[in-house]
């Protein structure tokens, strides 16, 4: 007679730190940060982490935004004042994003999130309100931006001191719902910023289509305005607000020649070359 022994399964207490389905090796750099090195290309993807992934087990790193540690009796120590010391806890990521290291502070910047303005950013905003000598502009950030009356060009490009009559006509310049192409004059640490449209390339946007994408998809560069073939121009705001409209033409009716150059470059990068067949 066979005897069958039934035992109760115990839950495993071990914690799996990193699981990977690809052919990559888990390594640690000289600073104690966990990295993944692919065996095929040899490229390191140490800056990209996912929620719950171990960043480092080095206790010298400080834990910033987007990170956390697990409380365990085996790793928690007590100092002379009987206070729990969590400095020896390994650091994990709570967001999907990239690792940012500032001195000994570790933070995780998420792929998706609110736009954080920086001085010099070329952005697109939507007018949401009018107050004393200023407009309230939505730029997709944590706080609304401010566009002063003295930071815009008057119709016709006239450069002069703004008067009380101009203040009374602010709604004729920009009203609620209008889209404005502008630049960040100075950005504050609290998420607010000041805008300006003093250049001729900035101003109110007309005759086009507004498109909103995640701000993380737009890379900061010197030029964010492009002329494409077919008389189409596109403005890629750093805040993820984009504008697609007609290419501005000069007095002779010819479009900007840069559109053809950009179009050829796009075709070359995409491998779209014309082939002649006999």
C-alpha atoms as a PDB file:
ATOM      1  CA  UNK A   1       0.000   0.000   0.000  1.00  0.00           C
ATOM      2  CA  UNK A   2       1.449   3.342  -1.071  1.00  0.00           C
ATOM      3  CA  UNK A   3       1.461   6.139   1.497  1.00  0.00           C
ATOM      4  CA  UNK A   4       0.798   9.620   0.161  1.00  0.00           C
ATOM      5  CA  UNK A   5       2.215  12.453   2.231  1.00  0.00           C
ATOM      6  CA  UNK A   6       0.542  15.837   1.866  1.00  0.00           C
ATOM      7  CA  UNK A   7       2.566  18.855   2.977  1.00  0.00           C
ATOM      8  CA  UNK A   8       1.525  22.472   3.037  1.00  0.00           C
ATOM      9  CA  UNK A   9       3.366  24.659   0.564  1.00  0.00           C
ATOM     10  CA  UNK A  10       5.223  27.535   2.181  1.00  0.00           C
ATOM     11  CA  UNK A  11       5.416  30.894   0.466  1.00  0.00           C
ATOM     12  CA  UNK A  12       8.866  31.835  -0.640  1.00  0.00           C
ATOM     13  CA  UNK A  13      10.314  34.823   1.204  1.00  0.00           C
ATOM     14  CA  UNK A  14      12.984  35.592  -1.343  1.00  0.00           C
ATOM     15  CA  UNK A  15      12.470  38.644  -3.520  1.00  0.00           C
ATOM     16  CA  UNK A  16      13.298  38.527  -7.184  1.00  0.00           C
ATOM     17  CA  UNK A  17      15.196  41.708  -7.988  1.00  0.00           C
ATOM     18  CA  UNK A  18      15.358  41.708 -11.775  1.00  0.00           C
ATOM     19  CA  UNK A  19      13.733  39.477 -14.326  1.00  0.00           C
ATOM     20  CA  UNK A  20      14.683  39.766 -17.964  1.00  0.00           C
ATOM     21  CA  UNK A  21      13.463  37.779 -20.932  1.00  0.00           C
ATOM     22  CA  UNK A  22      16.146  38.995 -23.327  1.00  0.00           C
ATOM     23  CA  UNK A  23      19.696  37.737 -23.714  1.00  0.00           C
ATOM     24  CA  UNK A  24      21.266  40.387 -21.495  1.00  0.00           C
ATOM     25  CA  UNK A  25      23.698  40.165 -18.602  1.00  0.00           C
ATOM     26  CA  UNK A  26      23.158  41.912 -15.267  1.00  0.00           C
ATOM     27  CA  UNK A  27      26.250  43.850 -14.230  1.00  0.00           C
ATOM     28  CA  UNK A  28      27.176  46.553 -11.730  1.00  0.00           C
ATOM     29  CA  UNK A  29      29.245  49.583 -12.618  1.00  0.00           C
ATOM     30  CA  UNK A  30      32.002  51.166 -10.535  1.00  0.00           C
ATOM     31  CA  UNK A  31      29.440  53.352  -8.724  1.00  0.00           C
ATOM     32  CA  UNK A  32      27.261  50.426  -7.653  1.00  0.00           C
ATOM     33  CA  UNK A  33      24.452  51.079 -10.149  1.00  0.00           C
ATOM     34  CA  UNK A  34      22.842  47.991 -11.683  1.00  0.00           C
ATOM     35  CA  UNK A  35      23.288  47.856 -15.470  1.00  0.00           C
ATOM     36  CA  UNK A  36      22.157  45.566 -18.276  1.00  0.00           C
ATOM     37  CA  UNK A  37      24.578  44.830 -21.073  1.00  0.00           C
ATOM     38  CA  UNK A  38      23.226  43.110 -24.151  1.00  0.00           C
ATOM     39  CA  UNK A  39      25.351  40.268 -25.434  1.00  0.00           C
ATOM     40  CA  UNK A  40      24.596  41.011 -29.055  1.00  0.00           C
ATOM     41  CA  UNK A  41      25.384  44.704 -29.356  1.00  0.00           C
ATOM     42  CA  UNK A  42      27.300  45.348 -26.172  1.00  0.00           C
ATOM     43  CA  UNK A  43      25.278  48.497 -25.527  1.00  0.00           C
ATOM     44  CA  UNK A  44      24.469  49.436 -21.940  1.00  0.00           C
ATOM     45  CA  UNK A  45      20.916  50.344 -20.972  1.00  0.00           C
ATOM     46  CA  UNK A  46      21.691  51.316 -17.383  1.00  0.00           C
ATOM     47  CA  UNK A  47      19.715  54.583 -17.541  1.00  0.00           C
ATOM     48  CA  UNK A  48      16.327  52.930 -18.218  1.00  0.00           C
ATOM     49  CA  UNK A  49      14.502  51.318 -15.289  1.00  0.00           C
ATOM     50  CA  UNK A  50      11.032  49.897 -14.672  1.00  0.00           C
ATOM     51  CA  UNK A  51       8.867  49.898 -11.506  1.00  0.00           C
ATOM     52  CA  UNK A  52      10.214  47.518  -8.874  1.00  0.00           C
ATOM     53  CA  UNK A  53      13.630  47.219 -10.476  1.00  0.00           C
ATOM     54  CA  UNK A  54      16.728  47.326  -8.290  1.00  0.00           C
ATOM     55  CA  UNK A  55      18.815  50.430  -8.923  1.00  0.00           C
ATOM     56  CA  UNK A  56      21.634  49.918  -6.442  1.00  0.00           C
ATOM     57  CA  UNK A  57      22.395  48.192  -3.159  1.00  0.00           C
ATOM     58  CA  UNK A  58      25.127  50.679  -2.212  1.00  0.00           C
ATOM     59  CA  UNK A  59      24.056  52.458   1.020  1.00  0.00           C
ATOM     60  CA  UNK A  60      26.031  55.613   0.165  1.00  0.00           C
ATOM     61  CA  UNK A  61      23.457  56.729  -2.428  1.00  0.00           C
ATOM     62  CA  UNK A  62      20.618  59.000  -1.275  1.00  0.00           C
ATOM     63  CA  UNK A  63      17.086  58.151  -2.370  1.00  0.00           C
ATOM     64  CA  UNK A  64      15.266  60.859  -4.348  1.00  0.00           C
ATOM     65  CA  UNK A  65      11.999  61.160  -6.255  1.00  0.00           C
ATOM     66  CA  UNK A  66      10.904  58.016  -8.069  1.00  0.00           C
ATOM     67  CA  UNK A  67      12.777  55.657  -5.726  1.00  0.00           C
ATOM     68  CA  UNK A  68      11.903  53.629  -2.621  1.00  0.00           C
ATOM     69  CA  UNK A  69      13.316  50.985  -0.299  1.00  0.00           C
ATOM     70  CA  UNK A  70      11.821  47.861   1.277  1.00  0.00           C
ATOM     71  CA  UNK A  71      11.574  47.629   5.058  1.00  0.00           C
ATOM     72  CA  UNK A  72      12.878  44.323   6.346  1.00  0.00           C
ATOM     73  CA  UNK A  73      13.846  43.205   9.832  1.00  0.00           C
ATOM     74  CA  UNK A  74      16.970  41.517   8.478  1.00  0.00           C
ATOM     75  CA  UNK A  75      18.316  44.706   6.908  1.00  0.00           C
ATOM     76  CA  UNK A  76      17.073  47.329   9.397  1.00  0.00           C
ATOM     77  CA  UNK A  77      19.690  48.389  11.942  1.00  0.00           C
ATOM     78  CA  UNK A  78      19.368  50.389  15.165  1.00  0.00           C
ATOM     79  CA  UNK A  79      21.657  53.235  16.143  1.00  0.00           C
ATOM     80  CA  UNK A  80      22.697  54.354  19.648  1.00  0.00           C
ATOM     81  CA  UNK A  81      19.416  56.274  20.129  1.00  0.00           C
ATOM     82  CA  UNK A  82      17.327  53.170  19.244  1.00  0.00           C
ATOM     83  CA  UNK A  83      16.264  54.747  15.923  1.00  0.00           C
ATOM     84  CA  UNK A  84      15.868  52.597  12.853  1.00  0.00           C
ATOM     85  CA  UNK A  85      18.602  53.196  10.304  1.00  0.00           C
ATOM     86  CA  UNK A  86      17.473  52.605   6.705  1.00  0.00           C
ATOM     87  CA  UNK A  87      20.744  53.676   5.088  1.00  0.00           C
ATOM     88  CA  UNK A  88      21.628  50.067   4.241  1.00  0.00           C
ATOM     89  CA  UNK A  89      18.397  49.480   2.313  1.00  0.00           C
ATOM     90  CA  UNK A  90      18.747  48.745  -1.410  1.00  0.00           C
ATOM     91  CA  UNK A  91      17.209  51.375  -3.678  1.00  0.00           C
ATOM     92  CA  UNK A  92      14.397  50.407  -6.077  1.00  0.00           C
ATOM     93  CA  UNK A  93      12.627  52.328  -8.815  1.00  0.00           C
ATOM     94  CA  UNK A  94       8.943  53.211  -8.427  1.00  0.00           C
ATOM     95  CA  UNK A  95       8.568  54.654 -11.939  1.00  0.00           C
ATOM     96  CA  UNK A  96       9.335  53.735 -15.526  1.00  0.00           C
ATOM     97  CA  UNK A  97      11.938  56.213 -16.688  1.00  0.00           C
ATOM     98  CA  UNK A  98      15.600  57.126 -16.697  1.00  0.00           C
ATOM     99  CA  UNK A  99      18.040  57.400 -13.802  1.00  0.00           C
ATOM    100  CA  UNK A 100      19.384  60.851 -13.017  1.00  0.00           C
ATOM    101  CA  UNK A 101      22.437  61.118 -10.755  1.00  0.00           C
ATOM    102  CA  UNK A 102      23.327  64.412  -9.054  1.00  0.00           C
ATOM    103  CA  UNK A 103      26.332  63.954  -6.776  1.00  0.00           C
ATOM    104  CA  UNK A 104      25.079  61.151  -4.480  1.00  0.00           C
ATOM    105  CA  UNK A 105      21.360  61.703  -5.086  1.00  0.00           C
ATOM    106  CA  UNK A 106      19.456  59.188  -7.230  1.00  0.00           C
ATOM    107  CA  UNK A 107      16.181  60.170  -8.902  1.00  0.00           C
ATOM    108  CA  UNK A 108      14.071  58.569 -11.614  1.00  0.00           C
ATOM    109  CA  UNK A 109      12.670  60.856 -14.323  1.00  0.00           C
ATOM    110  CA  UNK A 110       9.450  59.318 -15.719  1.00  0.00           C
ATOM    111  CA  UNK A 111       8.828  58.981 -19.442  1.00  0.00           C
ATOM    112  CA  UNK A 112       5.386  60.547 -19.066  1.00  0.00           C
ATOM    113  CA  UNK A 113       4.715  63.511 -16.844  1.00  0.00           C
ATOM    114  CA  UNK A 114       4.077  67.211 -16.642  1.00  0.00           C
ATOM    115  CA  UNK A 115       6.260  69.541 -18.670  1.00  0.00           C
ATOM    116  CA  UNK A 116       8.923  71.393 -16.657  1.00  0.00           C
ATOM    117  CA  UNK A 117       9.845  74.703 -18.333  1.00  0.00           C
ATOM    118  CA  UNK A 118      13.448  75.749 -18.798  1.00  0.00           C
ATOM    119  CA  UNK A 119      14.798  79.085 -19.960  1.00  0.00           C
ATOM    120  CA  UNK A 120      15.044  79.249 -23.743  1.00  0.00           C
ATOM    121  CA  UNK A 121      12.500  76.512 -24.499  1.00  0.00           C
ATOM    122  CA  UNK A 122      10.531  76.996 -27.722  1.00  0.00           C
ATOM    123  CA  UNK A 123       6.957  76.083 -26.788  1.00  0.00           C
ATOM    124  CA  UNK A 124       3.329  76.555 -27.802  1.00  0.00           C
ATOM    125  CA  UNK A 125       0.724  77.704 -25.287  1.00  0.00           C
ATOM    126  CA  UNK A 126      -3.006  78.307 -25.110  1.00  0.00           C
ATOM    127  CA  UNK A 127      -4.436  81.516 -23.657  1.00  0.00           C
ATOM    128  CA  UNK A 128      -6.713  80.684 -20.718  1.00  0.00           C
ATOM    129  CA  UNK A 129      -7.237  84.055 -19.041  1.00  0.00           C
ATOM    130  CA  UNK A 130      -6.566  87.796 -19.102  1.00  0.00           C
ATOM    131  CA  UNK A 131      -5.680  89.955 -16.104  1.00  0.00           C
ATOM    132  CA  UNK A 132      -3.881  93.252 -15.472  1.00  0.00           C
ATOM    133  CA  UNK A 133      -1.221  93.664 -18.197  1.00  0.00           C
ATOM    134  CA  UNK A 134      -0.754  89.916 -18.578  1.00  0.00           C
ATOM    135  CA  UNK A 135      -2.176  86.758 -20.100  1.00  0.00           C
ATOM    136  CA  UNK A 136      -2.505  83.396 -18.399  1.00  0.00           C
ATOM    137  CA  UNK A 137      -1.161  80.638 -20.660  1.00  0.00           C
ATOM    138  CA  UNK A 138      -1.576  76.865 -20.415  1.00  0.00           C
ATOM    139  CA  UNK A 139       1.695  75.159 -21.387  1.00  0.00           C
ATOM    140  CA  UNK A 140       0.961  71.642 -20.099  1.00  0.00           C
ATOM    141  CA  UNK A 141       2.965  72.113 -16.900  1.00  0.00           C
ATOM    142  CA  UNK A 142       2.103  71.951 -13.237  1.00  0.00           C
ATOM    143  CA  UNK A 143       1.313  75.666 -13.234  1.00  0.00           C
ATOM    144  CA  UNK A 144       0.164  78.143 -15.843  1.00  0.00           C
ATOM    145  CA  UNK A 145       2.694  80.479 -17.450  1.00  0.00           C
ATOM    146  CA  UNK A 146       2.505  84.277 -17.625  1.00  0.00           C
ATOM    147  CA  UNK A 147       2.802  86.394 -20.767  1.00  0.00           C
ATOM    148  CA  UNK A 148       3.195  90.100 -19.980  1.00  0.00           C
ATOM    149  CA  UNK A 149       1.818  92.817 -22.217  1.00  0.00           C
ATOM    150  CA  UNK A 150       5.314  94.278 -22.514  1.00  0.00           C
ATOM    151  CA  UNK A 151       6.671  90.930 -23.788  1.00  0.00           C
ATOM    152  CA  UNK A 152       4.627  90.822 -27.011  1.00  0.00           C
ATOM    153  CA  UNK A 153       4.922  92.604 -30.339  1.00  0.00           C
ATOM    154  CA  UNK A 154       2.062  94.867 -31.330  1.00  0.00           C
ATOM    155  CA  UNK A 155       0.279  94.263 -34.643  1.00  0.00           C
ATOM    156  CA  UNK A 156       2.475  95.502 -37.483  1.00  0.00           C
ATOM    157  CA  UNK A 157       5.703  94.901 -35.560  1.00  0.00           C
ATOM    158  CA  UNK A 158       5.685  98.358 -33.950  1.00  0.00           C
ATOM    159  CA  UNK A 159       8.214  98.638 -31.114  1.00  0.00           C
ATOM    160  CA  UNK A 160       7.090 101.192 -28.548  1.00  0.00           C
ATOM    161  CA  UNK A 161       6.146 101.505 -24.932  1.00  0.00           C
ATOM    162  CA  UNK A 162       2.800  99.955 -24.058  1.00  0.00           C
ATOM    163  CA  UNK A 163       0.120 102.415 -22.915  1.00  0.00           C
ATOM    164  CA  UNK A 164      -3.213 102.206 -21.112  1.00  0.00           C
ATOM    165  CA  UNK A 165      -4.949 102.111 -24.492  1.00  0.00           C
ATOM    166  CA  UNK A 166      -3.003  98.953 -25.340  1.00  0.00           C
ATOM    167  CA  UNK A 167      -4.071  97.438 -22.032  1.00  0.00           C
ATOM    168  CA  UNK A 168      -7.709  98.035 -22.909  1.00  0.00           C
ATOM    169  CA  UNK A 169      -7.193  96.311 -26.271  1.00  0.00           C
ATOM    170  CA  UNK A 170      -5.454  93.202 -24.910  1.00  0.00           C
ATOM    171  CA  UNK A 171      -8.377  90.990 -25.872  1.00  0.00           C
ATOM    172  CA  UNK A 172      -8.058  92.136 -29.482  1.00  0.00           C
ATOM    173  CA  UNK A 173      -4.412  91.002 -29.483  1.00  0.00           C
ATOM    174  CA  UNK A 174      -4.885  87.616 -27.784  1.00  0.00           C
ATOM    175  CA  UNK A 175      -8.098  86.189 -26.347  1.00  0.00           C
ATOM    176  CA  UNK A 176      -9.061  83.010 -24.529  1.00  0.00           C
ATOM    177  CA  UNK A 177      -8.495  79.905 -26.625  1.00  0.00           C
ATOM    178  CA  UNK A 178      -5.865  81.418 -28.928  1.00  0.00           C
ATOM    179  CA  UNK A 179      -2.668  79.464 -29.524  1.00  0.00           C
ATOM    180  CA  UNK A 180       0.585  81.389 -29.286  1.00  0.00           C
ATOM    181  CA  UNK A 181       4.076  80.436 -30.435  1.00  0.00           C
ATOM    182  CA  UNK A 182       6.473  81.677 -27.753  1.00  0.00           C
ATOM    183  CA  UNK A 183       9.692  81.159 -25.808  1.00  0.00           C
ATOM    184  CA  UNK A 184      10.336  80.682 -22.096  1.00  0.00           C
ATOM    185  CA  UNK A 185      11.976  83.845 -20.801  1.00  0.00           C
ATOM    186  CA  UNK A 186      12.751  82.494 -17.346  1.00  0.00           C
ATOM    187  CA  UNK A 187      11.590  79.384 -15.559  1.00  0.00           C
ATOM    188  CA  UNK A 188      10.874  79.164 -11.848  1.00  0.00           C
ATOM    189  CA  UNK A 189      11.558  76.265  -9.555  1.00  0.00           C
ATOM    190  CA  UNK A 190       7.868  76.026  -8.622  1.00  0.00           C
ATOM    191  CA  UNK A 191       6.828  75.131 -12.183  1.00  0.00           C
ATOM    192  CA  UNK A 192       5.746  78.621 -13.242  1.00  0.00           C
ATOM    193  CA  UNK A 193       7.512  80.661 -15.907  1.00  0.00           C
ATOM    194  CA  UNK A 194       7.468  83.906 -17.876  1.00  0.00           C
ATOM    195  CA  UNK A 195       7.012  83.896 -21.671  1.00  0.00           C
ATOM    196  CA  UNK A 196       7.781  86.329 -24.483  1.00  0.00           C
ATOM    197  CA  UNK A 197       7.008  86.682 -28.208  1.00  0.00           C
ATOM    198  CA  UNK A 198       9.370  89.535 -29.116  1.00  0.00           C
ATOM    199  CA  UNK A 199      10.850  87.769 -32.148  1.00  0.00           C
ATOM    200  CA  UNK A 200       9.140  87.817 -35.539  1.00  0.00           C
ATOM    201  CA  UNK A 201       9.089  84.004 -35.621  1.00  0.00           C
ATOM    202  CA  UNK A 202       6.808  84.004 -32.562  1.00  0.00           C
ATOM    203  CA  UNK A 203       3.240  85.186 -32.196  1.00  0.00           C
ATOM    204  CA  UNK A 204      -0.348  84.062 -32.654  1.00  0.00           C
ATOM    205  CA  UNK A 205      -0.879  80.866 -34.665  1.00  0.00           C
ATOM    206  CA  UNK A 206      -3.482  80.803 -37.434  1.00  0.00           C
ATOM    207  CA  UNK A 207      -4.631  78.480 -40.225  1.00  0.00           C
ATOM    208  CA  UNK A 208      -3.437  75.147 -38.924  1.00  0.00           C
ATOM    209  CA  UNK A 209      -4.059  72.085 -36.784  1.00  0.00           C
ATOM    210  CA  UNK A 210      -3.066  71.664 -33.143  1.00  0.00           C
ATOM    211  CA  UNK A 211      -1.575  68.308 -32.064  1.00  0.00           C
ATOM    212  CA  UNK A 212      -0.612  67.314 -28.522  1.00  0.00           C
ATOM    213  CA  UNK A 213       1.982  64.615 -27.794  1.00  0.00           C
ATOM    214  CA  UNK A 214       3.888  63.635 -24.617  1.00  0.00           C
ATOM    215  CA  UNK A 215       6.598  66.196 -23.898  1.00  0.00           C
ATOM    216  CA  UNK A 216       9.143  63.411 -23.470  1.00  0.00           C
ATOM    217  CA  UNK A 217       9.000  62.708 -27.208  1.00  0.00           C
ATOM    218  CA  UNK A 218      10.292  66.191 -28.116  1.00  0.00           C
ATOM    219  CA  UNK A 219      14.055  66.698 -27.900  1.00  0.00           C
ATOM    220  CA  UNK A 220      15.412  70.158 -27.118  1.00  0.00           C
ATOM    221  CA  UNK A 221      17.300  71.567 -30.112  1.00  0.00           C
ATOM    222  CA  UNK A 222      18.230  74.895 -31.683  1.00  0.00           C
ATOM    223  CA  UNK A 223      15.430  74.751 -34.243  1.00  0.00           C
ATOM    224  CA  UNK A 224      11.886  73.547 -33.624  1.00  0.00           C
ATOM    225  CA  UNK A 225      10.249  74.920 -36.795  1.00  0.00           C
ATOM    226  CA  UNK A 226      10.471  72.937 -40.023  1.00  0.00           C
ATOM    227  CA  UNK A 227       9.179  73.441 -43.570  1.00  0.00           C
ATOM    228  CA  UNK A 228       8.138  70.193 -45.244  1.00  0.00           C
ATOM    229  CA  UNK A 229       7.465  69.494 -48.935  1.00  0.00           C
ATOM    230  CA  UNK A 230       3.991  70.324 -50.165  1.00  0.00           C
ATOM    231  CA  UNK A 231       3.729  73.705 -48.492  1.00  0.00           C
ATOM    232  CA  UNK A 232       3.400  72.308 -44.955  1.00  0.00           C
ATOM    233  CA  UNK A 233       5.184  73.707 -41.905  1.00  0.00           C
ATOM    234  CA  UNK A 234       5.379  72.120 -38.472  1.00  0.00           C
ATOM    235  CA  UNK A 235       6.338  73.545 -35.082  1.00  0.00           C
ATOM    236  CA  UNK A 236       7.394  71.068 -32.397  1.00  0.00           C
ATOM    237  CA  UNK A 237       7.047  72.658 -28.975  1.00  0.00           C
ATOM    238  CA  UNK A 238       9.268  71.338 -26.221  1.00  0.00           C
ATOM    239  CA  UNK A 239       6.164  71.023 -24.032  1.00  0.00           C
ATOM    240  CA  UNK A 240       4.591  68.546 -26.481  1.00  0.00           C
ATOM    241  CA  UNK A 241       2.244  71.084 -28.102  1.00  0.00           C
ATOM    242  CA  UNK A 242       2.708  70.922 -31.885  1.00  0.00           C
ATOM    243  CA  UNK A 243       1.294  72.984 -34.727  1.00  0.00           C
ATOM    244  CA  UNK A 244       0.853  71.945 -38.365  1.00  0.00           C
ATOM    245  CA  UNK A 245       0.019  74.704 -40.829  1.00  0.00           C
ATOM    246  CA  UNK A 246       0.703  76.249 -44.200  1.00  0.00           C
ATOM    247  CA  UNK A 247       4.193  77.390 -45.124  1.00  0.00           C
ATOM    248  CA  UNK A 248       4.574  81.157 -45.083  1.00  0.00           C
ATOM    249  CA  UNK A 249       5.390  82.570 -48.509  1.00  0.00           C
ATOM    250  CA  UNK A 250       7.355  85.682 -49.374  1.00  0.00           C
ATOM    251  CA  UNK A 251       6.181  88.560 -51.545  1.00  0.00           C
ATOM    252  CA  UNK A 252       7.009  86.769 -54.810  1.00  0.00           C
ATOM    253  CA  UNK A 253       4.806  83.808 -53.855  1.00  0.00           C
ATOM    254  CA  UNK A 254       7.715  81.394 -53.414  1.00  0.00           C
ATOM    255  CA  UNK A 255       7.972  79.254 -50.320  1.00  0.00           C
ATOM    256  CA  UNK A 256      11.035  78.975 -48.154  1.00  0.00           C
ATOM    257  CA  UNK A 257      13.737  76.858 -49.818  1.00  0.00           C
ATOM    258  CA  UNK A 258      14.553  75.157 -46.517  1.00  0.00           C
ATOM    259  CA  UNK A 259      11.466  73.001 -46.962  1.00  0.00           C
ATOM    260  CA  UNK A 260      12.995  71.192 -49.931  1.00  0.00           C
ATOM    261  CA  UNK A 261      16.245  70.645 -48.054  1.00  0.00           C
ATOM    262  CA  UNK A 262      14.459  69.190 -45.045  1.00  0.00           C
ATOM    263  CA  UNK A 263      12.330  67.035 -47.314  1.00  0.00           C
ATOM    264  CA  UNK A 264      15.391  65.598 -49.032  1.00  0.00           C
ATOM    265  CA  UNK A 265      17.038  64.919 -45.689  1.00  0.00           C
ATOM    266  CA  UNK A 266      13.937  63.107 -44.444  1.00  0.00           C
ATOM    267  CA  UNK A 267      13.832  60.959 -47.566  1.00  0.00           C
ATOM    268  CA  UNK A 268      17.522  60.136 -47.235  1.00  0.00           C
ATOM    269  CA  UNK A 269      17.204  59.172 -43.554  1.00  0.00           C
ATOM    270  CA  UNK A 270      14.153  57.020 -44.253  1.00  0.00           C
ATOM    271  CA  UNK A 271      15.789  55.395 -47.264  1.00  0.00           C
ATOM    272  CA  UNK A 272      13.131  56.691 -49.666  1.00  0.00           C
ATOM    273  CA  UNK A 273      15.189  57.176 -52.805  1.00  0.00           C
ATOM    274  CA  UNK A 274      13.723  57.225 -56.268  1.00  0.00           C
ATOM    275  CA  UNK A 275      14.885  54.464 -58.586  1.00  0.00           C
ATOM    276  CA  UNK A 276      14.608  54.587 -62.341  1.00  0.00           C
ATOM    277  CA  UNK A 277      13.668  51.377 -64.055  1.00  0.00           C
ATOM    278  CA  UNK A 278      14.191  50.742 -67.732  1.00  0.00           C
END
